[in-house]
């Protein structure tokens, strides 16, 4: 599902990624661990097409993503990749269901279809009583589940998560970790998680260690 070939990335004189080669299978849950500054988030952003490598290629489901024109790449990212971040990035002025709908609206899908899907996802995630609540009225765990629903709205093939449980307490962290594996089992997504949580990494199908811009 994901293939990285000789990915390098520098910021000024600092080389952050030093020729990463990696293949991730469909329906695989992979955790990437390593010290801060190792390049984990930079690599995840490149896989998610949010940043371009200096050299190398990323293939997602057989497509060389950086060979797509900018408008095609933006559409591909919106439809095929879901993102979950440590900071949920929900829009405070919108309700839970409105936040979830946004990627569907960007994809120009039918408003009624998108809203129906958003409500189904929020119900699946145990938030059916919180549809009209704004982020400020939700707990940290609830906000992160809204962010997960938003990542799922366009039924992406790949979910990328960057320290998704970093701001959660133990109970909500464990619930979120369980959710990732349930999503894989029920929806068939490929999931890549950058994490400092050793318990989550140990449960993954594969744990990769990144040190000094390389995967060991």
N, C-alpha and C. Protein backbone atom coordinates (compact mmCIF):
# COMPACT_ATOMS: atom_id res chain seq x y z
N UNK A 1 0.82 -1.21 0.00
CA UNK A 1 0.00 0.00 0.00
C UNK A 1 0.86 1.26 0.00
N UNK A 2 1.96 1.25 0.77
CA UNK A 2 2.87 2.40 0.82
C UNK A 2 4.28 1.91 0.53
N UNK A 3 4.97 2.63 -0.36
CA UNK A 3 6.36 2.30 -0.66
C UNK A 3 7.16 3.58 -0.73
N UNK A 4 8.21 3.65 0.08
CA UNK A 4 9.13 4.79 0.08
C UNK A 4 10.46 4.34 -0.51
N UNK A 5 10.97 5.11 -1.46
CA UNK A 5 12.23 4.78 -2.11
C UNK A 5 13.22 5.92 -1.93
N UNK A 6 14.26 5.66 -1.16
CA UNK A 6 15.40 6.57 -1.01
C UNK A 6 14.97 8.00 -0.69
N UNK A 7 14.14 8.15 0.35
CA UNK A 7 13.62 9.47 0.71
C UNK A 7 14.66 10.25 1.52
N UNK A 8 15.01 11.42 1.00
CA UNK A 8 15.90 12.33 1.72
C UNK A 8 15.21 13.67 1.90
N UNK A 9 15.59 14.38 2.98
CA UNK A 9 15.04 15.70 3.24
C UNK A 9 15.99 16.48 4.12
N UNK A 10 16.29 17.70 3.70
CA UNK A 10 17.14 18.58 4.48
C UNK A 10 16.44 19.90 4.73
N UNK A 11 16.78 20.53 5.84
CA UNK A 11 16.35 21.89 6.14
C UNK A 11 17.62 22.71 6.32
N UNK A 12 17.95 23.49 5.31
CA UNK A 12 19.22 24.19 5.33
C UNK A 12 20.36 23.19 5.27
N UNK A 13 21.28 23.30 6.20
CA UNK A 13 22.43 22.39 6.24
C UNK A 13 22.15 21.11 7.02
N UNK A 14 20.98 21.04 7.64
CA UNK A 14 20.64 19.87 8.46
C UNK A 14 19.91 18.83 7.62
N UNK A 15 20.51 17.67 7.43
CA UNK A 15 19.85 16.58 6.73
C UNK A 15 19.03 15.77 7.73
N UNK A 16 17.72 15.81 7.57
CA UNK A 16 16.82 15.18 8.53
C UNK A 16 16.53 13.73 8.16
N UNK A 17 16.33 13.47 6.86
CA UNK A 17 16.08 12.10 6.39
C UNK A 17 17.21 11.70 5.44
N UNK A 18 17.74 10.50 5.64
CA UNK A 18 18.98 10.11 4.96
C UNK A 18 18.81 8.83 4.14
N UNK A 19 17.85 8.87 3.24
CA UNK A 19 17.68 7.74 2.33
C UNK A 19 16.84 6.61 2.92
N UNK A 20 15.55 6.90 3.14
CA UNK A 20 14.66 5.91 3.76
C UNK A 20 14.00 5.05 2.68
N UNK A 21 14.09 3.74 2.88
CA UNK A 21 13.41 2.76 2.03
C UNK A 21 12.49 1.94 2.91
N UNK A 22 11.23 1.84 2.50
CA UNK A 22 10.24 1.20 3.36
C UNK A 22 9.05 0.74 2.53
N UNK A 23 8.54 -0.45 2.85
CA UNK A 23 7.30 -0.94 2.25
C UNK A 23 6.33 -1.31 3.36
N UNK A 24 5.09 -0.85 3.24
CA UNK A 24 4.04 -1.14 4.23
C UNK A 24 2.88 -1.78 3.49
N UNK A 25 2.44 -2.93 3.98
CA UNK A 25 1.40 -3.69 3.31
C UNK A 25 0.00 -3.15 3.61
N UNK A 26 -0.94 -3.49 2.76
CA UNK A 26 -2.33 -3.15 2.99
C UNK A 26 -2.82 -3.78 4.29
N UNK A 27 -3.58 -3.02 5.07
CA UNK A 27 -4.17 -3.44 6.35
C UNK A 27 -3.14 -3.62 7.46
N UNK A 28 -1.93 -3.16 7.24
CA UNK A 28 -0.90 -3.27 8.27
C UNK A 28 -0.96 -2.05 9.18
N UNK A 29 -0.77 -2.28 10.49
CA UNK A 29 -0.63 -1.20 11.46
C UNK A 29 0.84 -1.12 11.84
N UNK A 30 1.48 -0.01 11.46
CA UNK A 30 2.92 0.16 11.68
C UNK A 30 3.15 1.35 12.59
N UNK A 31 3.95 1.15 13.63
CA UNK A 31 4.35 2.25 14.50
C UNK A 31 5.79 2.63 14.21
N UNK A 32 6.05 3.93 14.22
CA UNK A 32 7.41 4.44 14.06
C UNK A 32 7.80 5.13 15.36
N UNK A 33 8.85 4.64 15.99
CA UNK A 33 9.31 5.18 17.26
C UNK A 33 10.73 5.70 17.10
N UNK A 34 11.20 6.42 18.11
CA UNK A 34 12.55 6.95 18.07
C UNK A 34 12.62 8.24 18.83
N UNK A 35 13.81 8.73 19.10
CA UNK A 35 13.97 9.96 19.87
C UNK A 35 13.44 11.17 19.13
N UNK A 36 13.14 12.22 19.88
CA UNK A 36 12.74 13.49 19.26
C UNK A 36 13.86 13.98 18.35
N UNK A 37 13.47 14.51 17.19
CA UNK A 37 14.45 15.01 16.24
C UNK A 37 15.00 13.96 15.30
N UNK A 38 14.47 12.73 15.40
CA UNK A 38 14.98 11.66 14.54
C UNK A 38 14.47 11.75 13.11
N UNK A 39 13.39 12.53 12.89
CA UNK A 39 12.83 12.67 11.54
C UNK A 39 11.49 11.98 11.35
N UNK A 40 10.89 11.48 12.42
CA UNK A 40 9.66 10.70 12.32
C UNK A 40 8.51 11.52 11.72
N UNK A 41 8.25 12.69 12.28
CA UNK A 41 7.14 13.51 11.79
C UNK A 41 7.41 14.04 10.39
N UNK A 42 8.67 14.37 10.10
CA UNK A 42 9.02 14.81 8.75
C UNK A 42 8.72 13.72 7.74
N UNK A 43 9.07 12.49 8.06
CA UNK A 43 8.80 11.37 7.16
C UNK A 43 7.29 11.17 6.99
N UNK A 44 6.54 11.26 8.08
CA UNK A 44 5.09 11.07 8.00
C UNK A 44 4.46 12.15 7.12
N UNK A 45 4.93 13.38 7.24
CA UNK A 45 4.40 14.46 6.41
C UNK A 45 4.69 14.22 4.93
N UNK A 46 5.84 13.63 4.63
CA UNK A 46 6.16 13.32 3.23
C UNK A 46 5.28 12.18 2.73
N UNK A 47 5.10 11.15 3.52
CA UNK A 47 4.19 10.06 3.13
C UNK A 47 2.79 10.61 2.87
N UNK A 48 2.37 11.58 3.70
CA UNK A 48 1.04 12.18 3.55
C UNK A 48 0.95 13.25 2.49
N UNK A 49 2.06 13.48 1.77
CA UNK A 49 2.15 14.46 0.67
C UNK A 49 1.99 15.90 1.16
N UNK A 50 2.15 16.13 2.46
CA UNK A 50 2.10 17.50 3.00
C UNK A 50 3.42 18.22 2.79
N UNK A 51 4.48 17.44 2.56
CA UNK A 51 5.81 18.00 2.33
C UNK A 51 6.47 17.16 1.24
N UNK A 52 7.31 17.78 0.43
CA UNK A 52 7.99 17.06 -0.65
C UNK A 52 9.40 16.67 -0.21
N UNK A 53 9.85 15.48 -0.59
CA UNK A 53 11.24 15.10 -0.29
C UNK A 53 12.20 15.83 -1.23
N UNK A 54 13.45 15.90 -0.82
CA UNK A 54 14.47 16.44 -1.72
C UNK A 54 14.78 15.44 -2.83
N UNK A 55 14.72 14.16 -2.51
CA UNK A 55 14.90 13.12 -3.51
C UNK A 55 14.14 11.88 -3.07
N UNK A 56 13.90 10.98 -4.02
CA UNK A 56 13.17 9.76 -3.71
C UNK A 56 11.72 9.83 -4.15
N UNK A 57 11.04 8.71 -4.00
CA UNK A 57 9.64 8.60 -4.43
C UNK A 57 8.78 7.96 -3.35
N UNK A 58 7.52 8.37 -3.33
CA UNK A 58 6.50 7.75 -2.49
C UNK A 58 5.42 7.19 -3.39
N UNK A 59 5.13 5.91 -3.24
CA UNK A 59 4.03 5.27 -3.94
C UNK A 59 2.94 4.92 -2.92
N UNK A 60 1.71 5.28 -3.23
CA UNK A 60 0.57 4.88 -2.41
C UNK A 60 -0.41 4.15 -3.31
N UNK A 61 -0.64 2.90 -2.99
CA UNK A 61 -1.50 2.03 -3.82
C UNK A 61 -1.05 2.04 -5.27
N UNK A 62 0.27 2.03 -5.47
CA UNK A 62 0.84 1.93 -6.81
C UNK A 62 1.00 3.25 -7.54
N UNK A 63 0.56 4.35 -6.94
CA UNK A 63 0.63 5.66 -7.60
C UNK A 63 1.83 6.44 -7.06
N UNK A 64 2.67 6.93 -7.94
CA UNK A 64 3.79 7.78 -7.56
C UNK A 64 3.25 9.18 -7.31
N UNK A 65 3.01 9.49 -6.04
CA UNK A 65 2.17 10.64 -5.70
C UNK A 65 2.79 11.98 -6.11
N UNK A 66 4.11 12.11 -6.03
CA UNK A 66 4.72 13.39 -6.33
C UNK A 66 4.89 13.63 -7.83
N UNK A 67 4.45 12.67 -8.63
CA UNK A 67 4.41 12.90 -10.06
C UNK A 67 3.05 13.44 -10.50
N UNK A 68 2.10 13.53 -9.55
CA UNK A 68 0.79 14.11 -9.85
C UNK A 68 0.89 15.63 -9.88
N UNK A 69 0.11 16.26 -10.73
CA UNK A 69 0.03 17.72 -10.73
C UNK A 69 -0.62 18.18 -9.43
N UNK A 70 -0.39 19.44 -9.06
CA UNK A 70 -0.76 19.92 -7.74
C UNK A 70 -2.25 19.74 -7.43
N UNK A 71 -3.12 20.00 -8.40
CA UNK A 71 -4.55 19.85 -8.14
C UNK A 71 -4.93 18.38 -7.98
N UNK A 72 -4.31 17.52 -8.78
CA UNK A 72 -4.57 16.08 -8.66
C UNK A 72 -4.03 15.54 -7.34
N UNK A 73 -2.88 16.06 -6.92
CA UNK A 73 -2.29 15.62 -5.66
C UNK A 73 -3.17 16.03 -4.48
N UNK A 74 -3.70 17.24 -4.52
CA UNK A 74 -4.58 17.70 -3.44
C UNK A 74 -5.84 16.84 -3.37
N UNK A 75 -6.40 16.50 -4.51
CA UNK A 75 -7.59 15.64 -4.54
C UNK A 75 -7.26 14.24 -4.03
N UNK A 76 -6.11 13.72 -4.44
CA UNK A 76 -5.67 12.39 -3.99
C UNK A 76 -5.52 12.39 -2.46
N UNK A 77 -4.88 13.42 -1.93
CA UNK A 77 -4.66 13.50 -0.48
C UNK A 77 -6.00 13.54 0.26
N UNK A 78 -6.92 14.32 -0.24
CA UNK A 78 -8.22 14.47 0.42
C UNK A 78 -9.01 13.17 0.43
N UNK A 79 -8.92 12.42 -0.65
CA UNK A 79 -9.75 11.22 -0.79
C UNK A 79 -9.08 9.95 -0.26
N UNK A 80 -7.77 9.87 -0.35
CA UNK A 80 -7.09 8.60 -0.08
C UNK A 80 -6.32 8.54 1.24
N UNK A 81 -6.11 9.72 1.87
CA UNK A 81 -5.30 9.76 3.08
C UNK A 81 -6.07 10.48 4.18
N UNK A 82 -6.14 9.86 5.36
CA UNK A 82 -6.75 10.50 6.52
C UNK A 82 -5.66 10.82 7.54
N UNK A 83 -5.79 11.98 8.18
CA UNK A 83 -4.76 12.43 9.13
C UNK A 83 -5.35 12.58 10.54
N UNK A 84 -4.58 12.11 11.52
CA UNK A 84 -4.92 12.32 12.92
C UNK A 84 -3.67 12.85 13.60
N UNK A 85 -3.78 14.04 14.21
CA UNK A 85 -2.62 14.68 14.82
C UNK A 85 -2.76 14.72 16.34
N UNK A 86 -1.64 15.01 17.01
CA UNK A 86 -1.67 15.17 18.47
C UNK A 86 -2.63 16.29 18.85
N UNK A 87 -2.53 17.40 18.12
CA UNK A 87 -3.45 18.51 18.32
C UNK A 87 -4.52 18.39 17.23
N UNK A 88 -5.74 18.18 17.65
CA UNK A 88 -6.81 17.70 16.77
C UNK A 88 -7.15 18.66 15.63
N UNK A 89 -6.85 19.96 15.78
CA UNK A 89 -7.10 20.94 14.72
C UNK A 89 -8.57 21.01 14.31
N UNK A 90 -9.46 20.85 15.28
CA UNK A 90 -10.88 21.07 14.99
C UNK A 90 -11.15 22.57 14.93
N UNK A 91 -12.10 22.96 14.09
CA UNK A 91 -12.45 24.37 13.98
C UNK A 91 -13.44 24.72 15.10
N UNK A 92 -13.07 25.64 15.99
CA UNK A 92 -13.85 25.87 17.21
C UNK A 92 -15.25 26.39 16.98
N UNK A 93 -15.48 27.05 15.84
CA UNK A 93 -16.80 27.65 15.60
C UNK A 93 -17.80 26.66 15.02
N UNK A 94 -17.33 25.46 14.67
CA UNK A 94 -18.21 24.46 14.07
C UNK A 94 -18.51 23.33 15.05
N UNK A 95 -19.67 22.70 14.87
CA UNK A 95 -20.05 21.57 15.71
C UNK A 95 -19.23 20.33 15.34
N UNK A 96 -19.39 19.29 16.14
CA UNK A 96 -18.68 18.03 15.86
C UNK A 96 -19.01 17.51 14.47
N UNK A 97 -20.28 17.45 14.14
CA UNK A 97 -20.68 16.89 12.84
C UNK A 97 -20.21 17.79 11.70
N UNK A 98 -20.22 19.10 11.90
CA UNK A 98 -19.74 20.02 10.86
C UNK A 98 -18.24 19.85 10.63
N UNK A 99 -17.48 19.67 11.70
CA UNK A 99 -16.04 19.44 11.56
C UNK A 99 -15.76 18.16 10.78
N UNK A 100 -16.52 17.13 11.06
CA UNK A 100 -16.31 15.84 10.38
C UNK A 100 -16.63 15.97 8.89
N UNK A 101 -17.62 16.78 8.56
CA UNK A 101 -18.08 16.90 7.17
C UNK A 101 -17.10 17.62 6.24
N UNK A 102 -16.21 18.44 6.79
CA UNK A 102 -15.41 19.35 5.97
C UNK A 102 -14.66 18.65 4.84
N UNK A 103 -13.91 17.55 5.08
CA UNK A 103 -13.21 16.92 3.95
C UNK A 103 -14.17 16.40 2.87
N UNK A 104 -15.36 15.98 3.28
CA UNK A 104 -16.35 15.54 2.31
C UNK A 104 -16.85 16.67 1.43
N UNK A 105 -17.05 17.85 2.06
CA UNK A 105 -17.45 19.01 1.28
C UNK A 105 -16.34 19.43 0.31
N UNK A 106 -15.08 19.36 0.78
CA UNK A 106 -13.95 19.71 -0.09
C UNK A 106 -13.92 18.80 -1.32
N UNK A 107 -14.29 17.53 -1.10
CA UNK A 107 -14.34 16.56 -2.21
C UNK A 107 -15.57 16.74 -3.09
N UNK A 108 -16.41 17.73 -2.74
CA UNK A 108 -17.61 18.06 -3.51
C UNK A 108 -18.60 16.90 -3.57
N UNK A 109 -18.68 16.18 -2.47
CA UNK A 109 -19.68 15.13 -2.36
C UNK A 109 -21.01 15.75 -1.95
N UNK A 110 -22.07 15.00 -2.18
CA UNK A 110 -23.41 15.47 -1.84
C UNK A 110 -23.50 15.80 -0.35
N UNK A 111 -24.08 16.97 -0.04
CA UNK A 111 -24.21 17.40 1.35
C UNK A 111 -24.96 16.37 2.18
N UNK A 112 -26.03 15.83 1.64
CA UNK A 112 -26.83 14.86 2.40
C UNK A 112 -26.05 13.57 2.64
N UNK A 113 -25.29 13.13 1.63
CA UNK A 113 -24.49 11.91 1.77
C UNK A 113 -23.39 12.12 2.81
N UNK A 114 -22.72 13.26 2.76
CA UNK A 114 -21.63 13.55 3.69
C UNK A 114 -22.16 13.64 5.12
N UNK A 115 -23.28 14.33 5.33
CA UNK A 115 -23.83 14.48 6.67
C UNK A 115 -24.29 13.13 7.23
N UNK A 116 -24.87 12.30 6.38
CA UNK A 116 -25.30 10.96 6.83
C UNK A 116 -24.09 10.14 7.26
N UNK A 117 -23.02 10.18 6.46
CA UNK A 117 -21.80 9.44 6.77
C UNK A 117 -21.17 9.97 8.07
N UNK A 118 -21.14 11.30 8.23
CA UNK A 118 -20.55 11.89 9.43
C UNK A 118 -21.29 11.44 10.69
N UNK A 119 -22.60 11.43 10.63
CA UNK A 119 -23.40 11.01 11.79
C UNK A 119 -23.19 9.53 12.08
N UNK A 120 -23.07 8.72 11.03
CA UNK A 120 -22.80 7.29 11.23
C UNK A 120 -21.46 7.07 11.90
N UNK A 121 -20.45 7.82 11.47
CA UNK A 121 -19.12 7.66 12.05
C UNK A 121 -19.11 8.12 13.51
N UNK A 122 -19.72 9.24 13.79
CA UNK A 122 -19.75 9.72 15.17
C UNK A 122 -20.53 8.76 16.07
N UNK A 123 -21.57 8.17 15.55
CA UNK A 123 -22.31 7.16 16.30
C UNK A 123 -21.42 5.93 16.55
N UNK A 124 -20.70 5.51 15.52
CA UNK A 124 -19.78 4.37 15.63
C UNK A 124 -18.73 4.64 16.71
N UNK A 125 -18.33 5.90 16.83
CA UNK A 125 -17.29 6.27 17.80
C UNK A 125 -17.86 6.67 19.16
N UNK A 126 -19.16 6.42 19.36
CA UNK A 126 -19.77 6.67 20.65
C UNK A 126 -20.08 8.13 20.93
N UNK A 127 -20.30 8.91 19.88
CA UNK A 127 -20.53 10.35 20.05
C UNK A 127 -21.89 10.78 19.51
N UNK A 128 -22.83 9.88 19.45
CA UNK A 128 -24.14 10.21 18.86
C UNK A 128 -24.87 11.29 19.66
N UNK A 129 -24.54 11.45 20.95
CA UNK A 129 -25.19 12.48 21.77
C UNK A 129 -24.43 13.80 21.72
N UNK A 130 -23.36 13.87 20.94
CA UNK A 130 -22.50 15.07 20.94
C UNK A 130 -22.42 15.73 19.56
N UNK A 131 -23.31 15.37 18.67
CA UNK A 131 -23.22 15.84 17.28
C UNK A 131 -23.20 17.36 17.17
N UNK A 132 -24.00 18.04 17.97
CA UNK A 132 -24.15 19.49 17.84
C UNK A 132 -23.27 20.26 18.82
N UNK A 133 -22.40 19.55 19.53
CA UNK A 133 -21.50 20.22 20.47
C UNK A 133 -20.28 20.75 19.72
N UNK A 134 -19.82 21.91 20.12
CA UNK A 134 -18.61 22.48 19.56
C UNK A 134 -17.39 21.95 20.33
N UNK A 135 -16.19 22.02 19.74
CA UNK A 135 -15.01 21.44 20.38
C UNK A 135 -14.81 21.87 21.83
N UNK A 136 -15.09 23.14 22.14
CA UNK A 136 -14.90 23.62 23.50
C UNK A 136 -15.82 22.96 24.51
N UNK A 137 -16.86 22.29 24.01
CA UNK A 137 -17.81 21.60 24.89
C UNK A 137 -17.52 20.11 24.99
N UNK A 138 -16.43 19.67 24.38
CA UNK A 138 -16.08 18.25 24.37
C UNK A 138 -14.82 18.01 25.18
N UNK A 139 -14.71 16.81 25.75
CA UNK A 139 -13.49 16.43 26.45
C UNK A 139 -12.36 16.19 25.45
N UNK A 140 -11.14 16.07 25.95
CA UNK A 140 -10.00 15.81 25.06
C UNK A 140 -10.17 14.53 24.28
N UNK A 141 -10.65 13.48 24.95
CA UNK A 141 -10.87 12.21 24.26
C UNK A 141 -11.95 12.31 23.21
N UNK A 142 -13.01 13.06 23.51
CA UNK A 142 -14.09 13.24 22.54
C UNK A 142 -13.62 14.04 21.33
N UNK A 143 -12.82 15.07 21.58
CA UNK A 143 -12.29 15.86 20.47
C UNK A 143 -11.43 15.00 19.55
N UNK A 144 -10.64 14.12 20.13
CA UNK A 144 -9.78 13.29 19.30
C UNK A 144 -10.60 12.28 18.50
N UNK A 145 -11.69 11.80 19.07
CA UNK A 145 -12.57 10.88 18.31
C UNK A 145 -13.27 11.62 17.17
N UNK A 146 -13.62 12.87 17.37
CA UNK A 146 -14.16 13.68 16.27
C UNK A 146 -13.11 13.79 15.16
N UNK A 147 -11.86 14.02 15.55
CA UNK A 147 -10.78 14.12 14.57
C UNK A 147 -10.59 12.81 13.82
N UNK A 148 -10.76 11.68 14.50
CA UNK A 148 -10.68 10.38 13.83
C UNK A 148 -11.82 10.23 12.83
N UNK A 149 -13.03 10.63 13.23
CA UNK A 149 -14.17 10.57 12.31
C UNK A 149 -13.93 11.43 11.08
N UNK A 150 -13.35 12.60 11.29
CA UNK A 150 -13.03 13.49 10.16
C UNK A 150 -12.03 12.81 9.22
N UNK A 151 -11.05 12.11 9.80
CA UNK A 151 -10.06 11.40 8.98
C UNK A 151 -10.69 10.28 8.16
N UNK A 152 -11.83 9.76 8.63
CA UNK A 152 -12.46 8.61 7.99
C UNK A 152 -13.55 8.99 6.99
N UNK A 153 -13.95 10.25 6.95
CA UNK A 153 -15.17 10.63 6.23
C UNK A 153 -15.12 10.27 4.75
N UNK A 154 -13.95 10.36 4.13
CA UNK A 154 -13.86 10.04 2.70
C UNK A 154 -13.40 8.60 2.44
N UNK A 155 -13.45 7.78 3.50
CA UNK A 155 -13.09 6.36 3.38
C UNK A 155 -11.68 6.18 2.78
N UNK A 156 -10.67 6.78 3.41
CA UNK A 156 -9.32 6.73 2.86
C UNK A 156 -8.72 5.33 2.96
N UNK A 157 -7.75 5.08 2.09
CA UNK A 157 -7.03 3.80 2.13
C UNK A 157 -5.99 3.80 3.23
N UNK A 158 -5.48 4.99 3.56
CA UNK A 158 -4.36 5.12 4.50
C UNK A 158 -4.73 6.13 5.58
N UNK A 159 -4.41 5.80 6.83
CA UNK A 159 -4.53 6.74 7.94
C UNK A 159 -3.14 6.97 8.51
N UNK A 160 -2.76 8.23 8.63
CA UNK A 160 -1.47 8.62 9.20
C UNK A 160 -1.74 9.36 10.51
N UNK A 161 -1.11 8.90 11.58
CA UNK A 161 -1.35 9.49 12.90
C UNK A 161 -0.02 9.91 13.52
N UNK A 162 0.07 11.18 13.91
CA UNK A 162 1.29 11.73 14.49
C UNK A 162 1.06 12.02 15.97
N UNK A 163 1.62 11.18 16.83
CA UNK A 163 1.43 11.29 18.28
C UNK A 163 -0.05 11.48 18.64
N UNK A 164 -0.94 10.61 18.14
CA UNK A 164 -2.38 10.87 18.28
C UNK A 164 -2.87 10.85 19.71
N UNK A 165 -2.16 10.14 20.60
CA UNK A 165 -2.62 10.06 21.99
C UNK A 165 -1.75 10.87 22.94
N UNK A 166 -0.88 11.73 22.39
CA UNK A 166 0.08 12.45 23.20
C UNK A 166 -0.53 13.36 24.25
N UNK A 167 -1.74 13.88 23.98
CA UNK A 167 -2.38 14.80 24.93
C UNK A 167 -3.50 14.16 25.73
N UNK A 168 -3.63 12.83 25.68
CA UNK A 168 -4.75 12.16 26.33
C UNK A 168 -4.32 11.49 27.63
N UNK A 169 -5.29 11.37 28.55
CA UNK A 169 -5.01 10.63 29.78
C UNK A 169 -5.01 9.13 29.48
N UNK A 170 -4.67 8.34 30.48
CA UNK A 170 -4.47 6.90 30.26
C UNK A 170 -5.71 6.23 29.71
N UNK A 171 -6.87 6.54 30.26
CA UNK A 171 -8.12 5.90 29.80
C UNK A 171 -8.40 6.22 28.34
N UNK A 172 -8.36 7.50 28.00
CA UNK A 172 -8.64 7.90 26.62
C UNK A 172 -7.56 7.42 25.66
N UNK A 173 -6.32 7.36 26.13
CA UNK A 173 -5.23 6.86 25.30
C UNK A 173 -5.48 5.40 24.93
N UNK A 174 -5.86 4.60 25.93
CA UNK A 174 -6.12 3.18 25.67
C UNK A 174 -7.30 2.99 24.73
N UNK A 175 -8.34 3.82 24.92
CA UNK A 175 -9.51 3.73 24.03
C UNK A 175 -9.13 4.06 22.59
N UNK A 176 -8.30 5.09 22.41
CA UNK A 176 -7.89 5.48 21.06
C UNK A 176 -7.05 4.38 20.41
N UNK A 177 -6.17 3.78 21.19
CA UNK A 177 -5.34 2.71 20.64
C UNK A 177 -6.21 1.53 20.20
N UNK A 178 -7.18 1.16 21.02
CA UNK A 178 -8.11 0.09 20.65
C UNK A 178 -8.83 0.43 19.35
N UNK A 179 -9.18 1.71 19.21
CA UNK A 179 -9.92 2.16 18.04
C UNK A 179 -9.13 1.94 16.75
N UNK A 180 -7.84 2.23 16.78
CA UNK A 180 -7.03 2.05 15.57
C UNK A 180 -7.10 0.61 15.06
N UNK A 181 -7.01 -0.34 15.97
CA UNK A 181 -7.04 -1.74 15.55
C UNK A 181 -8.44 -2.16 15.11
N UNK A 182 -9.46 -1.58 15.74
CA UNK A 182 -10.83 -1.86 15.31
C UNK A 182 -11.07 -1.32 13.91
N UNK A 183 -10.54 -0.13 13.63
CA UNK A 183 -10.70 0.45 12.30
C UNK A 183 -10.03 -0.43 11.24
N UNK A 184 -8.83 -0.89 11.54
CA UNK A 184 -8.14 -1.76 10.60
C UNK A 184 -8.95 -3.02 10.33
N UNK A 185 -9.47 -3.61 11.39
CA UNK A 185 -10.20 -4.88 11.24
C UNK A 185 -11.52 -4.70 10.52
N UNK A 186 -12.21 -3.58 10.76
CA UNK A 186 -13.56 -3.40 10.21
C UNK A 186 -13.58 -2.64 8.89
N UNK A 187 -12.63 -1.74 8.67
CA UNK A 187 -12.63 -0.92 7.47
C UNK A 187 -11.45 -1.21 6.54
N UNK A 188 -10.46 -1.95 7.02
CA UNK A 188 -9.36 -2.39 6.16
C UNK A 188 -8.31 -1.35 5.86
N UNK A 189 -8.23 -0.31 6.70
CA UNK A 189 -7.23 0.73 6.43
C UNK A 189 -5.81 0.27 6.76
N UNK A 190 -4.86 0.89 6.07
CA UNK A 190 -3.45 0.80 6.42
C UNK A 190 -3.16 1.98 7.33
N UNK A 191 -2.52 1.73 8.48
CA UNK A 191 -2.36 2.77 9.48
C UNK A 191 -0.88 2.89 9.87
N UNK A 192 -0.37 4.11 9.79
CA UNK A 192 1.01 4.40 10.19
C UNK A 192 0.95 5.42 11.32
N UNK A 193 1.60 5.07 12.44
CA UNK A 193 1.50 5.89 13.65
C UNK A 193 2.90 6.26 14.13
N UNK A 194 3.17 7.54 14.22
CA UNK A 194 4.36 8.02 14.91
C UNK A 194 4.00 8.17 16.38
N UNK A 195 4.77 7.55 17.27
CA UNK A 195 4.38 7.54 18.67
C UNK A 195 5.59 7.41 19.59
N UNK A 196 5.43 7.93 20.80
CA UNK A 196 6.38 7.67 21.88
C UNK A 196 5.81 6.66 22.86
N UNK A 197 4.61 6.15 22.57
CA UNK A 197 3.93 5.22 23.48
C UNK A 197 4.39 3.79 23.21
N UNK A 198 5.14 3.25 24.11
CA UNK A 198 5.71 1.91 23.91
C UNK A 198 4.66 0.82 23.87
N UNK A 199 3.56 1.01 24.63
CA UNK A 199 2.50 0.00 24.63
C UNK A 199 1.83 -0.09 23.27
N UNK A 200 1.54 1.07 22.67
CA UNK A 200 0.94 1.10 21.34
C UNK A 200 1.90 0.49 20.32
N UNK A 201 3.16 0.88 20.39
CA UNK A 201 4.15 0.36 19.44
C UNK A 201 4.27 -1.15 19.53
N UNK A 202 4.23 -1.67 20.75
CA UNK A 202 4.37 -3.11 20.95
C UNK A 202 3.18 -3.88 20.39
N UNK A 203 2.01 -3.26 20.36
CA UNK A 203 0.80 -3.93 19.86
C UNK A 203 0.70 -3.90 18.34
N UNK A 204 1.44 -3.03 17.72
CA UNK A 204 1.35 -2.87 16.26
C UNK A 204 1.85 -4.12 15.55
N UNK A 205 1.44 -4.25 14.29
CA UNK A 205 1.93 -5.37 13.49
C UNK A 205 3.44 -5.31 13.31
N UNK A 206 3.95 -4.07 13.26
CA UNK A 206 5.38 -3.88 13.08
C UNK A 206 5.80 -2.59 13.76
N UNK A 207 6.92 -2.64 14.45
CA UNK A 207 7.49 -1.44 15.09
C UNK A 207 8.79 -1.11 14.39
N UNK A 208 8.87 0.12 13.86
CA UNK A 208 10.08 0.58 13.20
C UNK A 208 10.75 1.63 14.08
N UNK A 209 12.06 1.58 14.18
CA UNK A 209 12.81 2.53 15.00
C UNK A 209 13.56 3.47 14.07
N UNK A 210 13.32 4.76 14.23
CA UNK A 210 14.02 5.76 13.43
C UNK A 210 15.03 6.49 14.32
N UNK A 211 16.27 6.48 13.88
CA UNK A 211 17.34 7.16 14.61
C UNK A 211 18.18 7.93 13.60
N UNK A 212 18.35 9.22 13.89
CA UNK A 212 19.22 10.06 13.05
C UNK A 212 18.86 9.98 11.56
N UNK A 213 17.55 10.06 11.28
CA UNK A 213 17.10 10.14 9.90
C UNK A 213 17.12 8.85 9.12
N UNK A 214 17.27 7.73 9.83
CA UNK A 214 17.27 6.43 9.16
C UNK A 214 16.43 5.44 9.96
N UNK A 215 15.83 4.49 9.25
CA UNK A 215 15.07 3.44 9.91
C UNK A 215 15.99 2.23 10.09
N UNK A 216 16.11 1.81 11.35
CA UNK A 216 16.99 0.68 11.65
C UNK A 216 16.19 -0.62 11.78
